[in-house]
PDB file of N, CA and C in Angstrom:
ATOM      1  N   UNK A   1      64.911  90.494  72.223  1.00  0.00           N
ATOM      2  CA  UNK A   1      63.985  90.840  70.217  1.00  0.00           C
ATOM      3  C   UNK A   1      62.337  91.149  70.625  1.00  0.00           C
ATOM      4  N   UNK A   2      61.662  92.649  69.950  1.00  0.00           N
ATOM      5  CA  UNK A   2      60.429  92.519  70.461  1.00  0.00           C
ATOM      6  C   UNK A   2      59.396  91.797  68.809  1.00  0.00           C
ATOM      7  N   UNK A   3      58.636  91.269  69.711  1.00  0.00           N
ATOM      8  CA  UNK A   3      57.967  90.068  68.016  1.00  0.00           C
ATOM      9  C   UNK A   3      57.056  91.123  67.914  1.00  0.00           C
ATOM     10  N   UNK A   4      56.726  91.280  66.230  1.00  0.00           N
ATOM     11  CA  UNK A   4      55.326  91.607  66.351  1.00  0.00           C
ATOM     12  C   UNK A   4      54.283  90.989  65.620  1.00  0.00           C
ATOM     13  N   UNK A   5      52.885  90.697  66.465  1.00  0.00           N
ATOM     14  CA  UNK A   5      51.611  89.726  66.135  1.00  0.00           C
ATOM     15  C   UNK A   5      50.938  90.920  64.815  1.00  0.00           C
ATOM     16  N   UNK A   6      50.210  90.450  63.954  1.00  0.00           N
ATOM     17  CA  UNK A   6      49.342  91.182  63.272  1.00  0.00           C
ATOM     18  C   UNK A   6      48.222  90.326  63.536  1.00  0.00           C
ATOM     19  N   UNK A   7      46.626  90.817  63.995  1.00  0.00           N
ATOM     20  CA  UNK A   7      45.836  89.997  64.558  1.00  0.00           C
ATOM     21  C   UNK A   7      44.688  90.644  62.565  1.00  0.00           C
ATOM     22  N   UNK A   8      43.769  89.923  61.647  1.00  0.00           N
ATOM     23  CA  UNK A   8      43.299  90.264  61.088  1.00  0.00           C
ATOM     24  C   UNK A   8      42.208  89.195  61.546  1.00  0.00           C
ATOM     25  N   UNK A   9      40.984  91.045  61.220  1.00  0.00           N
ATOM     26  CA  UNK A   9      39.944  90.370  62.050  1.00  0.00           C
ATOM     27  C   UNK A   9      39.291  91.568  63.307  1.00  0.00           C
ATOM     28  N   UNK A  10      38.748  92.436  63.273  1.00  0.00           N
ATOM     29  CA  UNK A  10      38.557  92.735  64.237  1.00  0.00           C
ATOM     30  C   UNK A  10      37.523  92.178  65.009  1.00  0.00           C
ATOM     31  N   UNK A  11      37.000  91.566  64.890  1.00  0.00           N
ATOM     32  CA  UNK A  11      35.640  91.022  65.634  1.00  0.00           C
ATOM     33  C   UNK A  11      36.236  90.139  66.930  1.00  0.00           C
ATOM     34  N   UNK A  12      34.540  89.807  67.308  1.00  0.00           N
ATOM     35  CA  UNK A  12      35.107  89.468  69.055  1.00  0.00           C
ATOM     36  C   UNK A  12      36.381  88.607  69.311  1.00  0.00           C
ATOM     37  N   UNK A  13      36.395  87.360  67.819  1.00  0.00           N
ATOM     38  CA  UNK A  13      37.452  86.454  68.675  1.00  0.00           C
ATOM     39  C   UNK A  13      38.600  87.415  67.877  1.00  0.00           C
ATOM     40  N   UNK A  14      38.667  88.689  66.764  1.00  0.00           N
ATOM     41  CA  UNK A  14      39.363  89.072  66.211  1.00  0.00           C
ATOM     42  C   UNK A  14      41.024  90.250  67.972  1.00  0.00           C
ATOM     43  N   UNK A  15      39.927  90.709  68.398  1.00  0.00           N
ATOM     44  CA  UNK A  15      40.296  91.310  69.686  1.00  0.00           C
ATOM     45  C   UNK A  15      40.615  90.879  70.975  1.00  0.00           C
ATOM     46  N   UNK A  16      39.220  89.927  70.853  1.00  0.00           N
ATOM     47  CA  UNK A  16      40.390  88.700  72.115  1.00  0.00           C
ATOM     48  C   UNK A  16      40.988  88.224  72.002  1.00  0.00           C
ATOM     49  N   UNK A  17      41.953  87.973  70.859  1.00  0.00           N
ATOM     50  CA  UNK A  17      43.269  87.474  70.711  1.00  0.00           C
ATOM     51  C   UNK A  17      44.153  88.843  70.792  1.00  0.00           C
ATOM     52  N   UNK A  18      43.847  90.120  70.545  1.00  0.00           N
ATOM     53  CA  UNK A  18      44.385  90.574  70.387  1.00  0.00           C
ATOM     54  C   UNK A  18      45.078  91.398  71.707  1.00  0.00           C
ATOM     55  N   UNK A  19      43.874  91.340  72.413  1.00  0.00           N
ATOM     56  CA  UNK A  19      43.777  91.599  73.967  1.00  0.00           C
ATOM     57  C   UNK A  19      45.076  90.545  74.782  1.00  0.00           C
ATOM     58  N   UNK A  20      45.219  89.563  74.464  1.00  0.00           N
ATOM     59  CA  UNK A  20      45.870  88.448  75.338  1.00  0.00           C
ATOM     60  C   UNK A  20      47.185  88.572  74.894  1.00  0.00           C
ATOM     61  N   UNK A  21      47.120  88.592  73.419  1.00  0.00           N
ATOM     62  CA  UNK A  21      48.676  88.713  73.153  1.00  0.00           C
ATOM     63  C   UNK A  21      49.422  90.329  73.195  1.00  0.00           C
ATOM     64  N   UNK A  22      48.388  91.728  73.190  1.00  0.00           N
ATOM     65  CA  UNK A  22      49.069  92.938  73.634  1.00  0.00           C
ATOM     66  C   UNK A  22      49.468  92.578  75.282  1.00  0.00           C
ATOM     67  N   UNK A  23      48.262  91.869  76.541  1.00  0.00           N
ATOM     68  CA  UNK A  23      48.949  91.676  77.483  1.00  0.00           C
ATOM     69  C   UNK A  23      50.153  90.880  77.608  1.00  0.00           C
ATOM     70  N   UNK A  24      50.979  89.732  77.143  1.00  0.00           N
ATOM     71  CA  UNK A  24      51.977  88.968  76.714  1.00  0.00           C
ATOM     72  C   UNK A  24      53.081  89.585  76.614  1.00  0.00           C
ATOM     73  N   UNK A  25      52.411  91.047  76.205  1.00  0.00           N
ATOM     74  CA  UNK A  25      53.947  91.944  76.067  1.00  0.00           C
ATOM     75  C   UNK A  25      54.534  91.827  74.454  1.00  0.00           C
ATOM     76  N   UNK A  26      53.604  91.387  73.141  1.00  0.00           N
ATOM     77  CA  UNK A  26      53.830  91.225  72.330  1.00  0.00           C
ATOM     78  C   UNK A  26      52.794  92.779  72.110  1.00  0.00           C
ATOM     79  N   UNK A  27      53.999  93.106  70.680  1.00  0.00           N
ATOM     80  CA  UNK A  27      53.210  94.892  69.549  1.00  0.00           C
ATOM     81  C   UNK A  27      52.012  93.979  68.842  1.00  0.00           C
ATOM     82  N   UNK A  28      50.750  94.281  68.521  1.00  0.00           N
ATOM     83  CA  UNK A  28      50.423  93.937  68.157  1.00  0.00           C
ATOM     84  C   UNK A  28      49.671  94.903  66.610  1.00  0.00           C
ATOM     85  N   UNK A  29      49.221  94.655  66.013  1.00  0.00           N
ATOM     86  CA  UNK A  29      48.811  95.590  64.694  1.00  0.00           C
ATOM     87  C   UNK A  29      47.193  94.683  64.651  1.00  0.00           C
ATOM     88  N   UNK A  30      46.613  95.496  64.711  1.00  0.00           N
ATOM     89  CA  UNK A  30      44.817  95.221  64.987  1.00  0.00           C
ATOM     90  C   UNK A  30      44.370  95.378  62.856  1.00  0.00           C
ATOM     91  N   UNK A  31      44.248  95.179  62.246  1.00  0.00           N
ATOM     92  CA  UNK A  31      43.136  95.137  60.975  1.00  0.00           C
ATOM     93  C   UNK A  31      41.786  94.560  61.394  1.00  0.00           C
ATOM     94  N   UNK A  32      40.961  95.738  60.444  1.00  0.00           N
ATOM     95  CA  UNK A  32      39.518  95.182  59.748  1.00  0.00           C
ATOM     96  C   UNK A  32      39.124  95.695  58.634  1.00  0.00           C
ATOM     97  N   UNK A  33      39.180  94.935  57.752  1.00  0.00           N
ATOM     98  CA  UNK A  33      38.369  95.357  56.692  1.00  0.00           C
ATOM     99  C   UNK A  33      37.254  96.622  56.973  1.00  0.00           C
ATOM    100  N   UNK A  34      36.423  96.466  57.549  1.00  0.00           N
ATOM    101  CA  UNK A  34      35.633  97.599  58.438  1.00  0.00           C
ATOM    102  C   UNK A  34      36.401  98.388  59.219  1.00  0.00           C
ATOM    103  N   UNK A  35      37.038  99.887  59.047  1.00  0.00           N
ATOM    104  CA  UNK A  35      38.093 100.341  59.828  1.00  0.00           C
ATOM    105  C   UNK A  35      36.944 100.822  61.072  1.00  0.00           C
ATOM    106  N   UNK A  36      35.776 101.340  61.446  1.00  0.00           N
ATOM    107  CA  UNK A  36      34.938 101.488  62.439  1.00  0.00           C
ATOM    108  C   UNK A  36      34.637 100.316  63.377  1.00  0.00           C
ATOM    109  N   UNK A  37      35.281  99.195  62.698  1.00  0.00           N
ATOM    110  CA  UNK A  37      35.484  98.119  63.405  1.00  0.00           C
ATOM    111  C   UNK A  37      35.885  97.841  64.550  1.00  0.00           C
ATOM    112  N   UNK A  38      37.364  98.115  64.195  1.00  0.00           N
ATOM    113  CA  UNK A  38      38.728  98.029  64.435  1.00  0.00           C
ATOM    114  C   UNK A  38      38.386  99.302  65.909  1.00  0.00           C
ATOM    115  N   UNK A  39      37.811 100.223  65.872  1.00  0.00           N
ATOM    116  CA  UNK A  39      37.662 101.496  66.686  1.00  0.00           C
ATOM    117  C   UNK A  39      37.181 101.068  67.424  1.00  0.00           C
ATOM    118  N   UNK A  40      35.666 100.124  67.879  1.00  0.00           N
ATOM    119  CA  UNK A  40      34.565  99.280  68.398  1.00  0.00           C
ATOM    120  C   UNK A  40      36.009  98.924  69.399  1.00  0.00           C
ATOM    121  N   UNK A  41      37.081  97.578  68.599  1.00  0.00           N
ATOM    122  CA  UNK A  41      37.189  96.573  69.369  1.00  0.00           C
ATOM    123  C   UNK A  41      37.707  97.270  69.973  1.00  0.00           C
ATOM    124  N   UNK A  42      39.315  98.424  69.764  1.00  0.00           N
ATOM    125  CA  UNK A  42      39.598  99.434  70.880  1.00  0.00           C
ATOM    126  C   UNK A  42      38.849  99.333  71.647  1.00  0.00           C
ATOM    127  N   UNK A  43      37.758 100.060  72.132  1.00  0.00           N
ATOM    128  CA  UNK A  43      36.659 100.339  72.813  1.00  0.00           C
ATOM    129  C   UNK A  43      36.534  99.144  74.401  1.00  0.00           C
ATOM    130  N   UNK A  44      36.606  98.499  73.297  1.00  0.00           N
ATOM    131  CA  UNK A  44      35.601  96.717  73.726  1.00  0.00           C
ATOM    132  C   UNK A  44      36.546  96.659  74.841  1.00  0.00           C
ATOM    133  N   UNK A  45      37.995  96.677  74.208  1.00  0.00           N
ATOM    134  CA  UNK A  45      38.961  95.358  74.426  1.00  0.00           C
ATOM    135  C   UNK A  45      39.547  97.037  75.714  1.00  0.00           C
ATOM    136  N   UNK A  46      39.744  98.200  75.348  1.00  0.00           N
ATOM    137  CA  UNK A  46      40.502  99.089  76.981  1.00  0.00           C
ATOM    138  C   UNK A  46      39.361  98.499  77.832  1.00  0.00           C
ATOM    139  N   UNK A  47      38.168  98.669  77.685  1.00  0.00           N
ATOM    140  CA  UNK A  47      36.748  98.647  79.015  1.00  0.00           C
ATOM    141  C   UNK A  47      37.382  96.993  79.698  1.00  0.00           C
ATOM    142  N   UNK A  48      37.453  96.135  78.729  1.00  0.00           N
ATOM    143  CA  UNK A  48      37.524  94.518  79.104  1.00  0.00           C
ATOM    144  C   UNK A  48      39.463  94.412  79.821  1.00  0.00           C
ATOM    145  N   UNK A  49      40.651  95.615  79.498  1.00  0.00           N
ATOM    146  CA  UNK A  49      41.322  95.673  80.715  1.00  0.00           C
ATOM    147  C   UNK A  49      40.919  96.355  82.058  1.00  0.00           C
ATOM    148  N   UNK A  50      40.415  97.175  81.533  1.00  0.00           N
ATOM    149  CA  UNK A  50      39.871  97.849  82.712  1.00  0.00           C
ATOM    150  C   UNK A  50      39.373  97.087  84.066  1.00  0.00           C
ATOM    151  N   UNK A  51      38.220  96.487  83.410  1.00  0.00           N
ATOM    152  CA  UNK A  51      37.680  95.771  84.505  1.00  0.00           C
ATOM    153  C   UNK A  51      38.670  94.517  85.039  1.00  0.00           C
ATOM    154  N   UNK A  52      39.329  94.164  84.582  1.00  0.00           N
ATOM    155  CA  UNK A  52      40.371  93.385  84.721  1.00  0.00           C
ATOM    156  C   UNK A  52      41.031  93.649  86.276  1.00  0.00           C
ATOM    157  N   UNK A  53      41.886  95.073  85.807  1.00  0.00           N
ATOM    158  CA  UNK A  53      42.328  96.036  86.871  1.00  0.00           C
ATOM    159  C   UNK A  53      41.242  96.079  88.132  1.00  0.00           C
ATOM    160  N   UNK A  54      40.209  96.389  87.926  1.00  0.00           N
ATOM    161  CA  UNK A  54      39.621  97.061  88.720  1.00  0.00           C
ATOM    162  C   UNK A  54      39.708  94.929  89.874  1.00  0.00           C
ATOM    163  N   UNK A  55      39.497  94.167  89.007  1.00  0.00           N
ATOM    164  CA  UNK A  55      39.428  92.854  90.234  1.00  0.00           C
ATOM    165  C   UNK A  55      40.689  91.866  90.260  1.00  0.00           C
ATOM    166  N   UNK A  56      41.998  93.246  90.491  1.00  0.00           N
ATOM    167  CA  UNK A  56      42.617  92.927  90.699  1.00  0.00           C
ATOM    168  C   UNK A  56      43.647  91.862  90.087  1.00  0.00           C
ATOM    169  N   UNK A  57      43.058  91.682  88.862  1.00  0.00           N
ATOM    170  CA  UNK A  57      44.107  90.515  88.045  1.00  0.00           C
ATOM    171  C   UNK A  57      45.468  91.419  87.935  1.00  0.00           C
ATOM    172  N   UNK A  58      44.999  92.228  87.178  1.00  0.00           N
ATOM    173  CA  UNK A  58      45.850  93.630  86.782  1.00  0.00           C
ATOM    174  C   UNK A  58      46.303  94.607  87.312  1.00  0.00           C
ATOM    175  N   UNK A  59      47.082  95.618  86.693  1.00  0.00           N
ATOM    176  CA  UNK A  59      47.720  96.670  87.617  1.00  0.00           C
ATOM    177  C   UNK A  59      46.818  97.478  86.717  1.00  0.00           C
ATOM    178  N   UNK A  60      46.620  98.555  86.872  1.00  0.00           N
ATOM    179  CA  UNK A  60      45.849  99.763  85.560  1.00  0.00           C
ATOM    180  C   UNK A  60      47.823  99.190  84.864  1.00  0.00           C
ATOM    181  N   UNK A  61      48.677  99.492  85.565  1.00  0.00           N
ATOM    182  CA  UNK A  61      49.577 100.524  85.447  1.00  0.00           C
ATOM    183  C   UNK A  61      50.002  99.403  84.031  1.00  0.00           C
ATOM    184  N   UNK A  62      49.811  97.476  83.710  1.00  0.00           N
ATOM    185  CA  UNK A  62      49.097  96.501  82.749  1.00  0.00           C
ATOM    186  C   UNK A  62      48.406  97.024  81.959  1.00  0.00           C
ATOM    187  N   UNK A  63      46.975  97.243  82.636  1.00  0.00           N
ATOM    188  CA  UNK A  63      46.045  97.196  81.566  1.00  0.00           C
ATOM    189  C   UNK A  63      46.529  98.614  80.286  1.00  0.00           C
ATOM    190  N   UNK A  64      47.007 100.027  81.036  1.00  0.00           N
ATOM    191  CA  UNK A  64      47.404 100.902  79.631  1.00  0.00           C
ATOM    192  C   UNK A  64      48.301 100.252  78.772  1.00  0.00           C
ATOM    193  N   UNK A  65      49.269  99.371  79.655  1.00  0.00           N
ATOM    194  CA  UNK A  65      51.241  99.105  78.884  1.00  0.00           C
ATOM    195  C   UNK A  65      50.128  98.274  77.363  1.00  0.00           C
ATOM    196  N   UNK A  66      49.329  97.128  78.065  1.00  0.00           N
ATOM    197  CA  UNK A  66      49.300  96.092  77.072  1.00  0.00           C
ATOM    198  C   UNK A  66      48.059  97.266  76.006  1.00  0.00           C
ATOM    199  N   UNK A  67      47.274  97.846  76.553  1.00  0.00           N
ATOM    200  CA  UNK A  67      46.368  99.007  75.156  1.00  0.00           C
ATOM    201  C   UNK A  67      47.492  99.947  74.195  1.00  0.00           C
ATOM    202  N   UNK A  68      48.693  99.691  74.950  1.00  0.00           N
ATOM    203  CA  UNK A  68      49.222 101.093  73.860  1.00  0.00           C
ATOM    204  C   UNK A  68      50.522 100.138  72.995  1.00  0.00           C
ATOM    205  N   UNK A  69      49.914  98.758  73.469  1.00  0.00           N
ATOM    206  CA  UNK A  69      50.502  97.888  72.217  1.00  0.00           C
ATOM    207  C   UNK A  69      49.506  97.453  71.531  1.00  0.00           C
ATOM    208  N   UNK A  70      48.602  98.463  71.568  1.00  0.00           N
ATOM    209  CA  UNK A  70      47.538  97.415  70.086  1.00  0.00           C
ATOM    210  C   UNK A  70      47.734  99.302  69.193  1.00  0.00           C
ATOM    211  N   UNK A  71      48.179  98.552  67.985  1.00  0.00           N
ATOM    212  CA  UNK A  71      47.858 100.085  66.724  1.00  0.00           C
ATOM    213  C   UNK A  71      46.478  99.538  65.599  1.00  0.00           C
ATOM    214  N   UNK A  72      46.534 100.500  65.218  1.00  0.00           N
ATOM    215  CA  UNK A  72      44.970  99.798  64.429  1.00  0.00           C
ATOM    216  C   UNK A  72      45.979  99.778  62.966  1.00  0.00           C
ATOM    217  N   UNK A  73      45.603  98.970  61.820  1.00  0.00           N
ATOM    218  CA  UNK A  73      47.036  99.059  60.729  1.00  0.00           C
ATOM    219  C   UNK A  73      45.515  99.475  59.469  1.00  0.00           C
ATOM    220  N   UNK A  74      45.734 100.249  58.608  1.00  0.00           N
ATOM    221  CA  UNK A  74      45.362 100.285  57.723  1.00  0.00           C
ATOM    222  C   UNK A  74      46.269 101.265  56.455  1.00  0.00           C
ATOM    223  N   UNK A  75      46.286 100.481  55.355  1.00  0.00           N
ATOM    224  CA  UNK A  75      46.069  98.957  55.278  1.00  0.00           C
ATOM    225  C   UNK A  75      46.404  97.747  55.528  1.00  0.00           C
ATOM    226  N   UNK A  76      46.217  96.928  54.715  1.00  0.00           N
ATOM    227  CA  UNK A  76      46.515  95.476  55.387  1.00  0.00           C
ATOM    228  C   UNK A  76      47.715  95.429  55.195  1.00  0.00           C
ATOM    229  N   UNK A  77      48.444  96.108  53.683  1.00  0.00           N
ATOM    230  CA  UNK A  77      49.583  96.264  53.594  1.00  0.00           C
ATOM    231  C   UNK A  77      50.852  96.119  54.728  1.00  0.00           C
ATOM    232  N   UNK A  78      50.201  97.112  55.869  1.00  0.00           N
ATOM    233  CA  UNK A  78      51.035  97.194  56.915  1.00  0.00           C
ATOM    234  C   UNK A  78      51.285  95.967  57.989  1.00  0.00           C
ATOM    235  N   UNK A  79      50.384  95.121  57.761  1.00  0.00           N
ATOM    236  CA  UNK A  79      50.257  94.103  58.854  1.00  0.00           C
ATOM    237  C   UNK A  79      51.716  93.560  58.362  1.00  0.00           C
ATOM    238  N   UNK A  80      51.675  93.165  57.197  1.00  0.00           N
ATOM    239  CA  UNK A  80      53.714  92.479  56.300  1.00  0.00           C
ATOM    240  C   UNK A  80      54.103  93.113  57.398  1.00  0.00           C
ATOM    241  N   UNK A  81      54.525  94.042  57.673  1.00  0.00           N
ATOM    242  CA  UNK A  81      55.585  93.854  58.532  1.00  0.00           C
ATOM    243  C   UNK A  81      55.122  93.113  60.332  1.00  0.00           C
ATOM    244  N   UNK A  82      54.678  92.205  60.410  1.00  0.00           N
ATOM    245  CA  UNK A  82      54.916  91.449  61.031  1.00  0.00           C
ATOM    246  C   UNK A  82      55.308  90.238  61.528  1.00  0.00           C
ATOM    247  N   UNK A  83      55.931  89.976  62.689  1.00  0.00           N
ATOM    248  CA  UNK A  83      56.440  88.481  62.849  1.00  0.00           C
ATOM    249  C   UNK A  83      55.481  87.469  62.163  1.00  0.00           C
ATOM    250  N   UNK A  84      54.745  87.664  62.620  1.00  0.00           N
ATOM    251  CA  UNK A  84      53.383  86.486  62.855  1.00  0.00           C
ATOM    252  C   UNK A  84      51.970  87.095  62.742  1.00  0.00           C
ATOM    253  N   UNK A  85      51.173  86.384  62.147  1.00  0.00           N
ATOM    254  CA  UNK A  85      49.821  86.781  61.427  1.00  0.00           C
ATOM    255  C   UNK A  85      48.271  86.041  61.871  1.00  0.00           C
ATOM    256  N   UNK A  86      47.835  86.417  63.019  1.00  0.00           N
ATOM    257  CA  UNK A  86      46.680  85.717  63.401  1.00  0.00           C
ATOM    258  C   UNK A  86      45.396  86.207  62.271  1.00  0.00           C
ATOM    259  N   UNK A  87      44.467  85.079  61.590  1.00  0.00           N
ATOM    260  CA  UNK A  87      43.594  85.540  60.840  1.00  0.00           C
ATOM    261  C   UNK A  87      42.391  85.227  61.405  1.00  0.00           C
ATOM    262  N   UNK A  88      41.829  85.968  61.566  1.00  0.00           N
ATOM    263  CA  UNK A  88      40.450  85.849  62.764  1.00  0.00           C
ATOM    264  C   UNK A  88      39.170  86.658  62.018  1.00  0.00           C
ATOM    265  N   UNK A  89      39.052  86.610  59.953  1.00  0.00           N
ATOM    266  CA  UNK A  89      38.391  87.513  59.932  1.00  0.00           C
ATOM    267  C   UNK A  89      37.284  86.546  59.254  1.00  0.00           C
ATOM    268  N   UNK A  90      36.713  86.679  58.688  1.00  0.00           N
ATOM    269  CA  UNK A  90      35.644  86.417  57.602  1.00  0.00           C
ATOM    270  C   UNK A  90      36.089  85.132  57.287  1.00  0.00           C
ATOM    271  N   UNK A  91      34.783  84.478  57.214  1.00  0.00           N
ATOM    272  CA  UNK A  91      34.701  82.895  56.505  1.00  0.00           C
ATOM    273  C   UNK A  91      34.695  82.495  55.055  1.00  0.00           C
ATOM    274  N   UNK A  92      34.946  83.288  55.050  1.00  0.00           N
ATOM    275  CA  UNK A  92      34.652  83.311  53.303  1.00  0.00           C
ATOM    276  C   UNK A  92      36.261  83.198  52.681  1.00  0.00           C
ATOM    277  N   UNK A  93      36.311  81.991  51.872  1.00  0.00           N
ATOM    278  CA  UNK A  93      37.882  81.515  51.461  1.00  0.00           C
ATOM    279  C   UNK A  93      37.884  83.086  50.721  1.00  0.00           C
ATOM    280  N   UNK A  94      37.470  83.883  49.794  1.00  0.00           N
ATOM    281  CA  UNK A  94      37.891  84.679  48.471  1.00  0.00           C
ATOM    282  C   UNK A  94      38.820  85.615  49.751  1.00  0.00           C
ATOM    283  N   UNK A  95      38.162  85.580  50.369  1.00  0.00           N
ATOM    284  CA  UNK A  95      38.487  86.910  51.449  1.00  0.00           C
ATOM    285  C   UNK A  95      39.699  86.566  52.432  1.00  0.00           C
ATOM    286  N   UNK A  96      39.768  84.869  52.802  1.00  0.00           N
ATOM    287  CA  UNK A  96      41.141  84.562  53.209  1.00  0.00           C
ATOM    288  C   UNK A  96      42.597  84.884  52.109  1.00  0.00           C
ATOM    289  N   UNK A  97      42.136  84.422  50.864  1.00  0.00           N
ATOM    290  CA  UNK A  97      43.402  84.239  50.222  1.00  0.00           C
ATOM    291  C   UNK A  97      43.285  86.020  49.949  1.00  0.00           C
ATOM    292  N   UNK A  98      42.264  86.585  49.966  1.00  0.00           N
ATOM    293  CA  UNK A  98      43.062  88.056  49.462  1.00  0.00           C
ATOM    294  C   UNK A  98      43.826  88.449  50.889  1.00  0.00           C
ATOM    295  N   UNK A  99      43.395  89.029  51.733  1.00  0.00           N
ATOM    296  CA  UNK A  99      44.381  88.724  52.741  1.00  0.00           C
ATOM    297  C   UNK A  99      46.175  88.189  52.706  1.00  0.00           C
ATOM    298  N   UNK A 100      45.931  86.472  52.872  1.00  0.00           N
ATOM    299  CA  UNK A 100      47.353  86.371  52.484  1.00  0.00           C
ATOM    300  C   UNK A 100      48.352  86.975  51.134  1.00  0.00           C
ATOM    301  N   UNK A 101      47.631  87.074  50.302  1.00  0.00           N
ATOM    302  CA  UNK A 101      48.319  87.475  48.955  1.00  0.00           C
ATOM    303  C   UNK A 101      48.748  89.268  48.975  1.00  0.00           C
ATOM    304  N   UNK A 102      47.709  89.525  50.379  1.00  0.00           N
ATOM    305  CA  UNK A 102      48.401  91.383  51.055  1.00  0.00           C
ATOM    306  C   UNK A 102      49.944  90.961  51.386  1.00  0.00           C
ATOM    307  N   UNK A 103      49.967  90.558  52.770  1.00  0.00           N
ATOM    308  CA  UNK A 103      50.349  90.002  53.367  1.00  0.00           C
ATOM    309  C   UNK A 103      51.910  89.624  52.661  1.00  0.00           C
ATOM    310  N   UNK A 104      51.670  88.948  51.966  1.00  0.00           N
ATOM    311  CA  UNK A 104      52.664  87.910  50.883  1.00  0.00           C
ATOM    312  C   UNK A 104      53.772  87.148  51.974  1.00  0.00           C
ATOM    313  N   UNK A 105      53.330  86.011  51.987  1.00  0.00           N
ATOM    314  CA  UNK A 105      54.171  85.304  52.483  1.00  0.00           C
ATOM    315  C   UNK A 105      54.456  85.292  54.235  1.00  0.00           C
ATOM    316  N   UNK A 106      53.708  86.128  55.148  1.00  0.00           N
ATOM    317  CA  UNK A 106      54.169  85.807  56.179  1.00  0.00           C
ATOM    318  C   UNK A 106      53.106  84.988  56.691  1.00  0.00           C
ATOM    319  N   UNK A 107      53.496  84.109  57.927  1.00  0.00           N
ATOM    320  CA  UNK A 107      52.715  82.940  58.641  1.00  0.00           C
ATOM    321  C   UNK A 107      51.126  83.062  59.134  1.00  0.00           C
ATOM    322  N   UNK A 108      50.580  82.547  58.256  1.00  0.00           N
ATOM    323  CA  UNK A 108      49.018  83.066  59.042  1.00  0.00           C
ATOM    324  C   UNK A 108      48.325  81.234  59.558  1.00  0.00           C
ATOM    325  N   UNK A 109      48.198  81.937  60.401  1.00  0.00           N
ATOM    326  CA  UNK A 109      46.725  80.601  61.320  1.00  0.00           C
ATOM    327  C   UNK A 109      46.062  80.694  61.437  1.00  0.00           C
TER     328      UNK A 109
END
């Protein structure tokens, strides 16, 4: 069974989580309120995976497969399709509550 993980927040922590989860073989939906941040995060993840492959920590094929398992989503409601949501967004309570209401009942860590 394919597990789908949503990561809310594409900052340093969120992009790192997305990379590790994707490298572990899971499909990842990555969201950030600032869509340009997701674009930057995908570039950073690609560079990090390439460095790991260059060091022999993974193969180039594994790095590319992990990157292909990460999908940028907008609007946030698309994250509701995930089996698990990991929230790594702003430390503002109102933002967190709004995110949870939008995804509606999906477990949030």
